[in-house]
Amino acid sequence: MTTTAMIATAPISWGISEVAEWGFQFTPDRVLTEMKSLGFTATEMGPDGFLPEAPTDKAAKLREYGMTAVGTFVPVILHRADVDPLPRIERELADYAAAGAEVLIVAAITGIDGYDQTREPLTDAEWSILFGNLERIRDVASAQGITSALHPHVGTIVETAEDVQQVLDHSTFSFCFDTGHLMIGGVDPVAFAAEHADRIAVTHLKDVSTEGMLRVKRGEKSYFDSIVDDELYRPLGQGDVDIRSIVASLLGVGYTGWFVLEQDKVVLTEPAAGRGPIEDARASVTYLRGILDDLSADGEATV
């Protein structure tokens, strides 16, 4: 089967984060200029405060650089009866309507800032609340023609292989298939792509160093510091995730969603022009394009 691969990027690859004190935050003009220079024509919109606040202004800024909006990462509390996630979701969907974005990517956060944290397992009642909120989110998004997806993520409620299995078993909600976060959580991303392609709405291609991951798991280094030092997440092809097998597997079954290139970063000081995150972003997109060229030569993919 020959399938067209849709490639996008995301501001987190430039260290743009929703977490307070997450290092230096680039201006949107520099980030979008560098994205465009690498040949990207689509991106996630990034967290609150990155692009202009008004939905129409967000859309205009993206158009200025020839960018299509894929969607964005929206962290919300989903497991508590006293917190309603819909007002935050509805505010985000106003941006989607203006920018033409397609995929609402939600993460089930704990309510504590940052991702260096542990939590108690959810009770059955809390899981039930979470699943109910996912259904509510799917309903309000689909009413506007938007696909919603849950992002398993380090330091959130849906993090581990056991958490992911709960969602697979007790919900029909789609996934944001983040190859790096799933691997860190104990899920084999190659197996997930092969076994659950029908549940994948959007893919975050991310590479992980096994040694860096184990240092974090052993408590030798914090998650945050491992990102600062580029020890955990690596450019595609420079870590231990089998990106080629995952891409080939998904395209082979007719996957038509986005491949969003992500390398979570923390940047401490502003780098000189042409240096910094753009270097790893260039390495990643070059690697992916090489894979797609090979698959295309074999009649398996077009770009």
C-alpha atoms as a PDB file:
ATOM      1  CA  MET A   1       0.000   0.000   0.000  1.00  0.00           C
ATOM      2  CA  THR A   2       1.315   3.448  -0.916  1.00  0.00           C
ATOM      3  CA  THR A   3       0.421   6.180   1.558  1.00  0.00           C
ATOM      4  CA  THR A   4       1.277   9.866   1.630  1.00  0.00           C
ATOM      5  CA  ALA A   5       3.175  10.864   4.782  1.00  0.00           C
ATOM      6  CA  MET A   6       2.222  14.203   6.325  1.00  0.00           C
ATOM      7  CA  ILE A   7       5.143  15.749   8.233  1.00  0.00           C
ATOM      8  CA  ALA A   8       4.904  18.511  10.831  1.00  0.00           C
ATOM      9  CA  THR A   9       6.928  19.939  13.696  1.00  0.00           C
ATOM     10  CA  ALA A  10       6.180  21.474  17.099  1.00  0.00           C
ATOM     11  CA  PRO A  11       7.401  24.400  19.218  1.00  0.00           C
ATOM     12  CA  ILE A  12       8.551  22.055  22.024  1.00  0.00           C
ATOM     13  CA  SER A  13      11.446  21.099  19.727  1.00  0.00           C
ATOM     14  CA  TRP A  14      12.589  24.688  20.324  1.00  0.00           C
ATOM     15  CA  GLY A  15      12.013  24.457  24.084  1.00  0.00           C
ATOM     16  CA  ILE A  16       8.631  26.215  24.004  1.00  0.00           C
ATOM     17  CA  SER A  17       6.712  24.747  26.945  1.00  0.00           C
ATOM     18  CA  GLU A  18       3.600  25.229  29.052  1.00  0.00           C
ATOM     19  CA  VAL A  19       5.666  24.584  32.207  1.00  0.00           C
ATOM     20  CA  ALA A  20       6.816  27.635  34.157  1.00  0.00           C
ATOM     21  CA  GLU A  21      10.600  28.155  34.370  1.00  0.00           C
ATOM     22  CA  TRP A  22      11.194  25.832  31.396  1.00  0.00           C
ATOM     23  CA  GLY A  23      14.282  27.680  30.242  1.00  0.00           C
ATOM     24  CA  PHE A  24      14.648  30.366  27.574  1.00  0.00           C
ATOM     25  CA  GLN A  25      11.543  30.931  25.450  1.00  0.00           C
ATOM     26  CA  PHE A  26      12.193  31.915  21.819  1.00  0.00           C
ATOM     27  CA  THR A  27      10.022  34.440  20.020  1.00  0.00           C
ATOM     28  CA  PRO A  28       7.503  32.946  17.597  1.00  0.00           C
ATOM     29  CA  ASP A  29       9.185  34.794  14.728  1.00  0.00           C
ATOM     30  CA  ARG A  30      12.501  33.043  15.284  1.00  0.00           C
ATOM     31  CA  VAL A  31      10.888  29.635  15.779  1.00  0.00           C
ATOM     32  CA  LEU A  32       8.637  29.927  12.737  1.00  0.00           C
ATOM     33  CA  THR A  33      11.480  31.287  10.604  1.00  0.00           C
ATOM     34  CA  GLU A  34      13.652  28.298  11.506  1.00  0.00           C
ATOM     35  CA  MET A  35      10.811  25.833  10.966  1.00  0.00           C
ATOM     36  CA  LYS A  36      10.203  27.304   7.512  1.00  0.00           C
ATOM     37  CA  SER A  37      13.927  27.181   6.660  1.00  0.00           C
ATOM     38  CA  LEU A  38      13.857  23.417   7.278  1.00  0.00           C
ATOM     39  CA  GLY A  39      11.004  22.979   4.825  1.00  0.00           C
ATOM     40  CA  PHE A  40       8.197  22.514   7.326  1.00  0.00           C
ATOM     41  CA  THR A  41       4.783  23.779   6.291  1.00  0.00           C
ATOM     42  CA  ALA A  42       2.820  22.517   9.306  1.00  0.00           C
ATOM     43  CA  THR A  43       3.267  22.840  13.057  1.00  0.00           C
ATOM     44  CA  GLU A  44       1.495  22.458  16.345  1.00  0.00           C
ATOM     45  CA  MET A  45       0.534  25.840  17.783  1.00  0.00           C
ATOM     46  CA  GLY A  46       2.352  25.575  21.095  1.00  0.00           C
ATOM     47  CA  PRO A  47       1.244  26.551  24.609  1.00  0.00           C
ATOM     48  CA  ASP A  48      -0.608  29.636  25.792  1.00  0.00           C
ATOM     49  CA  GLY A  49       1.559  32.725  25.430  1.00  0.00           C
ATOM     50  CA  PHE A  50       3.623  31.539  22.485  1.00  0.00           C
ATOM     51  CA  LEU A  51       1.489  32.779  19.593  1.00  0.00           C
ATOM     52  CA  PRO A  52      -0.710  35.892  19.880  1.00  0.00           C
ATOM     53  CA  GLU A  53      -3.681  35.467  22.216  1.00  0.00           C
ATOM     54  CA  ALA A  54      -6.577  36.193  19.849  1.00  0.00           C
ATOM     55  CA  PRO A  55      -7.509  33.201  17.644  1.00  0.00           C
ATOM     56  CA  THR A  56      -7.487  35.260  14.448  1.00  0.00           C
ATOM     57  CA  ASP A  57      -4.073  36.697  15.340  1.00  0.00           C
ATOM     58  CA  LYS A  58      -2.713  33.179  15.936  1.00  0.00           C
ATOM     59  CA  ALA A  59      -3.941  32.138  12.512  1.00  0.00           C
ATOM     60  CA  ALA A  60      -2.458  35.247  10.893  1.00  0.00           C
ATOM     61  CA  LYS A  61       0.960  34.650  12.474  1.00  0.00           C
ATOM     62  CA  LEU A  62       1.058  31.093  11.145  1.00  0.00           C
ATOM     63  CA  ARG A  63      -0.026  32.207   7.673  1.00  0.00           C
ATOM     64  CA  GLU A  64       2.745  34.823   7.695  1.00  0.00           C
ATOM     65  CA  TYR A  65       5.233  31.953   7.640  1.00  0.00           C
ATOM     66  CA  GLY A  66       3.252  29.659   5.360  1.00  0.00           C
ATOM     67  CA  MET A  67       2.329  27.303   8.188  1.00  0.00           C
ATOM     68  CA  THR A  68      -0.680  25.038   8.565  1.00  0.00           C
ATOM     69  CA  ALA A  69      -1.856  24.396  12.133  1.00  0.00           C
ATOM     70  CA  VAL A  70      -1.958  20.721  13.100  1.00  0.00           C
ATOM     71  CA  GLY A  71      -3.327  21.238  16.600  1.00  0.00           C
ATOM     72  CA  THR A  72      -1.673  21.558  19.967  1.00  0.00           C
ATOM     73  CA  PHE A  73      -0.907  19.876  23.287  1.00  0.00           C
ATOM     74  CA  VAL A  74      -3.528  20.750  25.906  1.00  0.00           C
ATOM     75  CA  PRO A  75      -2.813  19.677  29.515  1.00  0.00           C
ATOM     76  CA  VAL A  76      -5.999  19.278  31.564  1.00  0.00           C
ATOM     77  CA  ILE A  77      -7.091  17.613  34.795  1.00  0.00           C
ATOM     78  CA  LEU A  78      -9.428  14.759  33.887  1.00  0.00           C
ATOM     79  CA  HIS A  79      -9.663  12.555  36.990  1.00  0.00           C
ATOM     80  CA  ARG A  80     -11.191  14.897  39.584  1.00  0.00           C
ATOM     81  CA  ALA A  81     -14.907  15.422  40.118  1.00  0.00           C
ATOM     82  CA  ASP A  82     -14.349  19.033  41.245  1.00  0.00           C
ATOM     83  CA  VAL A  83     -12.566  20.096  38.022  1.00  0.00           C
ATOM     84  CA  ASP A  84     -14.367  20.615  34.710  1.00  0.00           C
ATOM     85  CA  PRO A  85     -11.936  20.427  31.752  1.00  0.00           C
ATOM     86  CA  LEU A  86     -14.427  21.657  29.153  1.00  0.00           C
ATOM     87  CA  PRO A  87     -13.955  25.438  29.572  1.00  0.00           C
ATOM     88  CA  ARG A  88     -10.242  25.026  28.801  1.00  0.00           C
ATOM     89  CA  ILE A  89     -11.016  22.724  25.885  1.00  0.00           C
ATOM     90  CA  GLU A  90     -13.637  25.068  24.434  1.00  0.00           C
ATOM     91  CA  ARG A  91     -11.205  27.988  24.605  1.00  0.00           C
ATOM     92  CA  GLU A  92      -8.670  25.926  22.692  1.00  0.00           C
ATOM     93  CA  LEU A  93     -11.227  24.956  20.069  1.00  0.00           C
ATOM     94  CA  ALA A  94     -11.794  28.634  19.294  1.00  0.00           C
ATOM     95  CA  ASP A  95      -8.153  28.745  18.173  1.00  0.00           C
ATOM     96  CA  TYR A  96      -8.686  25.617  16.110  1.00  0.00           C
ATOM     97  CA  ALA A  97     -11.642  27.097  14.286  1.00  0.00           C
ATOM     98  CA  ALA A  98      -9.645  30.192  13.337  1.00  0.00           C
ATOM     99  CA  ALA A  99      -6.448  28.384  12.366  1.00  0.00           C
ATOM    100  CA  GLY A 100      -7.946  25.325  10.675  1.00  0.00           C
ATOM    101  CA  ALA A 101      -6.263  22.906  13.086  1.00  0.00           C
ATOM    102  CA  GLU A 102      -7.290  19.252  12.983  1.00  0.00           C
ATOM    103  CA  VAL A 103      -6.258  17.345  16.120  1.00  0.00           C
ATOM    104  CA  LEU A 104      -6.886  18.197  19.773  1.00  0.00           C
ATOM    105  CA  ILE A 105      -4.121  16.532  21.805  1.00  0.00           C
ATOM    106  CA  VAL A 106      -4.954  16.273  25.509  1.00  0.00           C
ATOM    107  CA  ALA A 107      -2.794  15.108  28.392  1.00  0.00           C
ATOM    108  CA  ALA A 108      -4.273  14.011  31.712  1.00  0.00           C
ATOM    109  CA  ILE A 109      -2.147  16.051  34.100  1.00  0.00           C
ATOM    110  CA  THR A 110      -1.969  15.564  37.870  1.00  0.00           C
ATOM    111  CA  GLY A 111      -2.508  19.228  38.713  1.00  0.00           C
ATOM    112  CA  ILE A 112       1.065  19.702  39.954  1.00  0.00           C
ATOM    113  CA  ASP A 113       3.308  21.861  37.772  1.00  0.00           C
ATOM    114  CA  GLY A 114       6.096  20.072  35.916  1.00  0.00           C
ATOM    115  CA  TYR A 115       6.731  16.422  35.085  1.00  0.00           C
ATOM    116  CA  ASP A 116       9.250  15.396  37.767  1.00  0.00           C
ATOM    117  CA  GLN A 117       6.708  13.840  40.085  1.00  0.00           C
ATOM    118  CA  THR A 118       5.192  10.614  41.305  1.00  0.00           C
ATOM    119  CA  ARG A 119       1.538   9.918  41.987  1.00  0.00           C
ATOM    120  CA  GLU A 120      -0.678   7.354  43.622  1.00  0.00           C
ATOM    121  CA  PRO A 121      -2.579   4.980  41.313  1.00  0.00           C
ATOM    122  CA  LEU A 122      -6.059   6.179  40.430  1.00  0.00           C
ATOM    123  CA  THR A 123      -9.041   4.645  42.170  1.00  0.00           C
ATOM    124  CA  ASP A 124     -11.744   2.983  40.094  1.00  0.00           C
ATOM    125  CA  ALA A 125     -13.903   6.066  40.682  1.00  0.00           C
ATOM    126  CA  GLU A 126     -11.157   8.386  39.407  1.00  0.00           C
ATOM    127  CA  TRP A 127     -10.658   6.276  36.296  1.00  0.00           C
ATOM    128  CA  SER A 128     -14.394   6.430  35.687  1.00  0.00           C
ATOM    129  CA  ILE A 129     -14.321  10.241  35.924  1.00  0.00           C
ATOM    130  CA  LEU A 130     -11.356  10.360  33.540  1.00  0.00           C
ATOM    131  CA  PHE A 131     -13.072   8.161  30.960  1.00  0.00           C
ATOM    132  CA  GLY A 132     -16.241  10.219  31.241  1.00  0.00           C
ATOM    133  CA  ASN A 133     -14.319  13.432  30.644  1.00  0.00           C
ATOM    134  CA  LEU A 134     -12.619  11.933  27.612  1.00  0.00           C
ATOM    135  CA  GLU A 135     -16.029  11.177  26.145  1.00  0.00           C
ATOM    136  CA  ARG A 136     -17.203  14.738  26.841  1.00  0.00           C
ATOM    137  CA  ILE A 137     -14.087  16.130  25.168  1.00  0.00           C
ATOM    138  CA  ARG A 138     -14.546  13.884  22.149  1.00  0.00           C
ATOM    139  CA  ASP A 139     -18.178  14.994  21.800  1.00  0.00           C
ATOM    140  CA  VAL A 140     -17.461  18.732  21.948  1.00  0.00           C
ATOM    141  CA  ALA A 141     -14.467  18.426  19.602  1.00  0.00           C
ATOM    142  CA  SER A 142     -16.178  16.195  17.054  1.00  0.00           C
ATOM    143  CA  ALA A 143     -19.128  18.596  16.921  1.00  0.00           C
ATOM    144  CA  GLN A 144     -16.637  21.059  15.401  1.00  0.00           C
ATOM    145  CA  GLY A 145     -15.040  18.501  13.095  1.00  0.00           C
ATOM    146  CA  ILE A 146     -11.961  18.093  15.317  1.00  0.00           C
ATOM    147  CA  THR A 147     -10.353  14.746  16.153  1.00  0.00           C
ATOM    148  CA  SER A 148      -9.279  14.369  19.779  1.00  0.00           C
ATOM    149  CA  ALA A 149      -6.427  12.213  21.056  1.00  0.00           C
ATOM    150  CA  LEU A 150      -4.971  11.332  24.460  1.00  0.00           C
ATOM    151  CA  HIS A 151      -1.228  11.809  24.925  1.00  0.00           C
ATOM    152  CA  PRO A 152       0.428   9.368  27.366  1.00  0.00           C
ATOM    153  CA  HIS A 153       3.173  11.482  28.934  1.00  0.00           C
ATOM    154  CA  VAL A 154       5.856  11.259  31.609  1.00  0.00           C
ATOM    155  CA  GLY A 155       4.634  12.707  34.914  1.00  0.00           C
ATOM    156  CA  THR A 156       0.914  12.581  34.072  1.00  0.00           C
ATOM    157  CA  ILE A 157      -2.004  10.344  34.990  1.00  0.00           C
ATOM    158  CA  VAL A 158      -1.622   8.224  31.834  1.00  0.00           C
ATOM    159  CA  GLU A 159       2.083   7.434  31.842  1.00  0.00           C
ATOM    160  CA  THR A 160       2.879   3.764  32.353  1.00  0.00           C
ATOM    161  CA  ALA A 161       2.126   0.656  30.317  1.00  0.00           C
ATOM    162  CA  GLU A 162      -0.558  -0.200  32.890  1.00  0.00           C
ATOM    163  CA  ASP A 163      -2.175   3.220  32.457  1.00  0.00           C
ATOM    164  CA  VAL A 164      -2.165   2.880  28.671  1.00  0.00           C
ATOM    165  CA  GLN A 165      -3.731  -0.567  28.935  1.00  0.00           C
ATOM    166  CA  GLN A 166      -6.515   0.869  31.089  1.00  0.00           C
ATOM    167  CA  VAL A 167      -7.357   3.325  28.310  1.00  0.00           C
ATOM    168  CA  LEU A 168      -7.157   0.615  25.656  1.00  0.00           C
ATOM    169  CA  ASP A 169      -9.428  -1.699  27.642  1.00  0.00           C
ATOM    170  CA  HIS A 170     -12.013   0.733  28.996  1.00  0.00           C
ATOM    171  CA  SER A 171     -12.254   3.502  26.413  1.00  0.00           C
ATOM    172  CA  THR A 172     -12.449   3.899  22.654  1.00  0.00           C
ATOM    173  CA  PHE A 173     -10.657   7.252  22.770  1.00  0.00           C
ATOM    174  CA  SER A 174      -7.897   7.741  20.208  1.00  0.00           C
ATOM    175  CA  PHE A 175      -4.223   8.188  21.079  1.00  0.00           C
ATOM    176  CA  CYS A 176      -1.519  10.661  20.309  1.00  0.00           C
ATOM    177  CA  PHE A 177       1.152   8.025  19.675  1.00  0.00           C
ATOM    178  CA  ASP A 178       4.283   9.556  21.190  1.00  0.00           C
ATOM    179  CA  THR A 179       7.032   7.045  20.515  1.00  0.00           C
ATOM    180  CA  GLY A 180       9.331   8.475  23.199  1.00  0.00           C
ATOM    181  CA  HIS A 181       6.913   8.917  26.076  1.00  0.00           C
ATOM    182  CA  LEU A 182       5.439   5.463  25.492  1.00  0.00           C
ATOM    183  CA  MET A 183       8.889   3.883  25.550  1.00  0.00           C
ATOM    184  CA  ILE A 184       9.770   5.664  28.791  1.00  0.00           C
ATOM    185  CA  GLY A 185       6.464   4.513  30.281  1.00  0.00           C
ATOM    186  CA  GLY A 186       7.266   0.882  29.499  1.00  0.00           C
ATOM    187  CA  VAL A 187       5.334   0.425  26.243  1.00  0.00           C
ATOM    188  CA  ASP A 188       7.099  -1.025  23.203  1.00  0.00           C
ATOM    189  CA  PRO A 189       6.332   1.621  20.545  1.00  0.00           C
ATOM    190  CA  VAL A 190       6.996  -0.772  17.656  1.00  0.00           C
ATOM    191  CA  ALA A 191       4.460  -3.234  19.061  1.00  0.00           C
ATOM    192  CA  PHE A 192       1.956  -0.436  19.751  1.00  0.00           C
ATOM    193  CA  ALA A 193       2.154   0.747  16.148  1.00  0.00           C
ATOM    194  CA  ALA A 194       1.620  -2.788  14.888  1.00  0.00           C
ATOM    195  CA  GLU A 195      -1.193  -3.699  17.281  1.00  0.00           C
ATOM    196  CA  HIS A 196      -3.130  -0.462  17.752  1.00  0.00           C
ATOM    197  CA  ALA A 197      -2.814   1.530  14.534  1.00  0.00           C
ATOM    198  CA  ASP A 198      -6.596   1.894  14.479  1.00  0.00           C
ATOM    199  CA  ARG A 199      -6.414   3.859  17.755  1.00  0.00           C
ATOM    200  CA  ILE A 200      -3.725   6.309  16.573  1.00  0.00           C
ATOM    201  CA  ALA A 201      -5.007   9.739  15.494  1.00  0.00           C
ATOM    202  CA  VAL A 202      -1.656  11.541  15.399  1.00  0.00           C
ATOM    203  CA  THR A 203       1.974  10.483  15.872  1.00  0.00           C
ATOM    204  CA  HIS A 204       4.730  12.292  17.742  1.00  0.00           C
ATOM    205  CA  LEU A 205       7.983  10.857  16.426  1.00  0.00           C
ATOM    206  CA  LYS A 206      10.497  11.084  19.243  1.00  0.00           C
ATOM    207  CA  ASP A 207      13.757   9.225  19.827  1.00  0.00           C
ATOM    208  CA  VAL A 208      15.029   8.208  23.256  1.00  0.00           C
ATOM    209  CA  SER A 209      18.407   7.184  24.623  1.00  0.00           C
ATOM    210  CA  THR A 210      17.947   4.003  26.647  1.00  0.00           C
ATOM    211  CA  GLU A 211      20.884   4.906  28.876  1.00  0.00           C
ATOM    212  CA  GLY A 212      19.472   8.370  29.516  1.00  0.00           C
ATOM    213  CA  MET A 213      16.085   6.857  30.286  1.00  0.00           C
ATOM    214  CA  LEU A 214      17.570   4.378  32.742  1.00  0.00           C
ATOM    215  CA  ARG A 215      19.489   7.133  34.545  1.00  0.00           C
ATOM    216  CA  VAL A 216      16.198   8.922  35.133  1.00  0.00           C
ATOM    217  CA  LYS A 217      14.449   5.731  36.230  1.00  0.00           C
ATOM    218  CA  ARG A 218      17.294   4.919  38.642  1.00  0.00           C
ATOM    219  CA  GLY A 219      17.000   8.367  40.171  1.00  0.00           C
ATOM    220  CA  GLU A 220      20.476   9.396  39.089  1.00  0.00           C
ATOM    221  CA  LYS A 221      19.151  12.424  37.214  1.00  0.00           C
ATOM    222  CA  SER A 222      15.890  14.337  37.164  1.00  0.00           C
ATOM    223  CA  TYR A 223      13.669  14.225  34.106  1.00  0.00           C
ATOM    224  CA  PHE A 224      14.105  17.978  33.672  1.00  0.00           C
ATOM    225  CA  ASP A 225      17.904  17.889  33.927  1.00  0.00           C
ATOM    226  CA  SER A 226      18.096  14.988  31.492  1.00  0.00           C
ATOM    227  CA  ILE A 227      16.307  17.155  28.923  1.00  0.00           C
ATOM    228  CA  VAL A 228      18.538  20.158  29.647  1.00  0.00           C
ATOM    229  CA  ASP A 229      21.582  17.994  28.905  1.00  0.00           C
ATOM    230  CA  ASP A 230      20.055  16.265  25.844  1.00  0.00           C
ATOM    231  CA  GLU A 231      20.674  12.909  27.529  1.00  0.00           C
ATOM    232  CA  LEU A 232      17.118  11.551  27.302  1.00  0.00           C
ATOM    233  CA  TYR A 233      15.635  12.749  24.004  1.00  0.00           C
ATOM    234  CA  ARG A 234      17.758  12.598  20.888  1.00  0.00           C
ATOM    235  CA  PRO A 235      17.335  13.583  17.223  1.00  0.00           C
ATOM    236  CA  LEU A 236      15.595  10.885  15.203  1.00  0.00           C
ATOM    237  CA  GLY A 237      17.998   8.086  14.354  1.00  0.00           C
ATOM    238  CA  GLN A 238      20.363   8.911  17.228  1.00  0.00           C
ATOM    239  CA  GLY A 239      18.458   7.109  19.986  1.00  0.00           C
ATOM    240  CA  ASP A 240      17.089   3.625  20.555  1.00  0.00           C
ATOM    241  CA  VAL A 241      13.536   3.881  19.189  1.00  0.00           C
ATOM    242  CA  ASP A 242      13.127   1.977  15.930  1.00  0.00           C
ATOM    243  CA  ILE A 243      11.670   4.922  14.027  1.00  0.00           C
ATOM    244  CA  ARG A 244      11.991   3.239  10.642  1.00  0.00           C
ATOM    245  CA  SER A 245       9.966   0.185  11.661  1.00  0.00           C
ATOM    246  CA  ILE A 246       7.271   2.374  13.209  1.00  0.00           C
ATOM    247  CA  VAL A 247       6.893   4.599  10.151  1.00  0.00           C
ATOM    248  CA  ALA A 248       6.889   1.638   7.769  1.00  0.00           C
ATOM    249  CA  SER A 249       4.363  -0.217   9.916  1.00  0.00           C
ATOM    250  CA  LEU A 250       1.924   2.688  10.090  1.00  0.00           C
ATOM    251  CA  LEU A 251       2.173   3.597   6.423  1.00  0.00           C
ATOM    252  CA  GLY A 252       1.835  -0.069   5.540  1.00  0.00           C
ATOM    253  CA  VAL A 253      -1.648  -0.209   7.068  1.00  0.00           C
ATOM    254  CA  GLY A 254      -2.764   3.050   5.494  1.00  0.00           C
ATOM    255  CA  TYR A 255      -2.144   5.528   8.325  1.00  0.00           C
ATOM    256  CA  THR A 256      -2.980   9.023   7.063  1.00  0.00           C
ATOM    257  CA  GLY A 257      -2.403  11.088  10.206  1.00  0.00           C
ATOM    258  CA  TRP A 258       0.382  13.543  10.931  1.00  0.00           C
ATOM    259  CA  PHE A 259       3.940  12.563  11.792  1.00  0.00           C
ATOM    260  CA  VAL A 260       4.933  15.386  14.148  1.00  0.00           C
ATOM    261  CA  LEU A 261       8.669  15.565  14.776  1.00  0.00           C
ATOM    262  CA  GLU A 262       9.232  16.327  18.436  1.00  0.00           C
ATOM    263  CA  GLN A 263      12.347  16.464  20.565  1.00  0.00           C
ATOM    264  CA  ASP A 264      11.449  17.843  23.979  1.00  0.00           C
ATOM    265  CA  LYS A 265      14.045  20.464  24.819  1.00  0.00           C
ATOM    266  CA  VAL A 266      15.058  22.920  27.506  1.00  0.00           C
ATOM    267  CA  VAL A 267      17.192  25.808  26.239  1.00  0.00           C
ATOM    268  CA  LEU A 268      18.971  27.799  28.935  1.00  0.00           C
ATOM    269  CA  THR A 269      20.275  30.763  26.918  1.00  0.00           C
ATOM    270  CA  GLU A 270      19.528  32.176  23.492  1.00  0.00           C
ATOM    271  CA  PRO A 271      21.834  30.593  20.892  1.00  0.00           C
ATOM    272  CA  ALA A 272      23.332  32.412  17.936  1.00  0.00           C
ATOM    273  CA  ALA A 273      21.480  32.419  14.627  1.00  0.00           C
ATOM    274  CA  GLY A 274      21.613  29.022  12.974  1.00  0.00           C
ATOM    275  CA  ARG A 275      22.614  27.289  16.189  1.00  0.00           C
ATOM    276  CA  GLY A 276      20.686  25.594  18.957  1.00  0.00           C
ATOM    277  CA  PRO A 277      17.462  23.560  18.505  1.00  0.00           C
ATOM    278  CA  ILE A 278      17.427  24.044  14.738  1.00  0.00           C
ATOM    279  CA  GLU A 279      20.458  21.760  14.480  1.00  0.00           C
ATOM    280  CA  ASP A 280      18.685  18.789  16.072  1.00  0.00           C
ATOM    281  CA  ALA A 281      15.462  19.590  14.210  1.00  0.00           C
ATOM    282  CA  ARG A 282      17.414  19.515  10.936  1.00  0.00           C
ATOM    283  CA  ALA A 283      18.978  16.163  11.828  1.00  0.00           C
ATOM    284  CA  SER A 284      15.556  14.687  12.651  1.00  0.00           C
ATOM    285  CA  VAL A 285      13.754  15.821   9.523  1.00  0.00           C
ATOM    286  CA  THR A 286      16.686  14.766   7.345  1.00  0.00           C
ATOM    287  CA  TYR A 287      16.570  11.303   8.923  1.00  0.00           C
ATOM    288  CA  LEU A 288      12.809  10.974   8.445  1.00  0.00           C
ATOM    289  CA  ARG A 289      12.973  12.153   4.840  1.00  0.00           C
ATOM    290  CA  GLY A 290      15.640   9.535   4.203  1.00  0.00           C
ATOM    291  CA  ILE A 291      13.343   6.820   5.566  1.00  0.00           C
ATOM    292  CA  LEU A 292      10.463   8.069   3.427  1.00  0.00           C
ATOM    293  CA  ASP A 293      12.678   8.204   0.336  1.00  0.00           C
ATOM    294  CA  ASP A 294      13.638   4.561   0.916  1.00  0.00           C
ATOM    295  CA  LEU A 295      10.017   3.529   1.430  1.00  0.00           C
ATOM    296  CA  SER A 296       8.960   5.497  -1.610  1.00  0.00           C
ATOM    297  CA  ALA A 297      11.575   3.721  -3.706  1.00  0.00           C
ATOM    298  CA  ASP A 298      10.015   0.467  -2.531  1.00  0.00           C
ATOM    299  CA  GLY A 299       6.552   1.751  -3.424  1.00  0.00           C
ATOM    300  CA  GLU A 300       5.436   2.016   0.204  1.00  0.00           C
ATOM    301  CA  ALA A 301       5.164   5.779   0.754  1.00  0.00           C
ATOM    302  CA  THR A 302       5.018   9.190  -0.846  1.00  0.00           C
ATOM    303  CA  VAL A 303       5.696  12.528   0.842  1.00  0.00           C
END
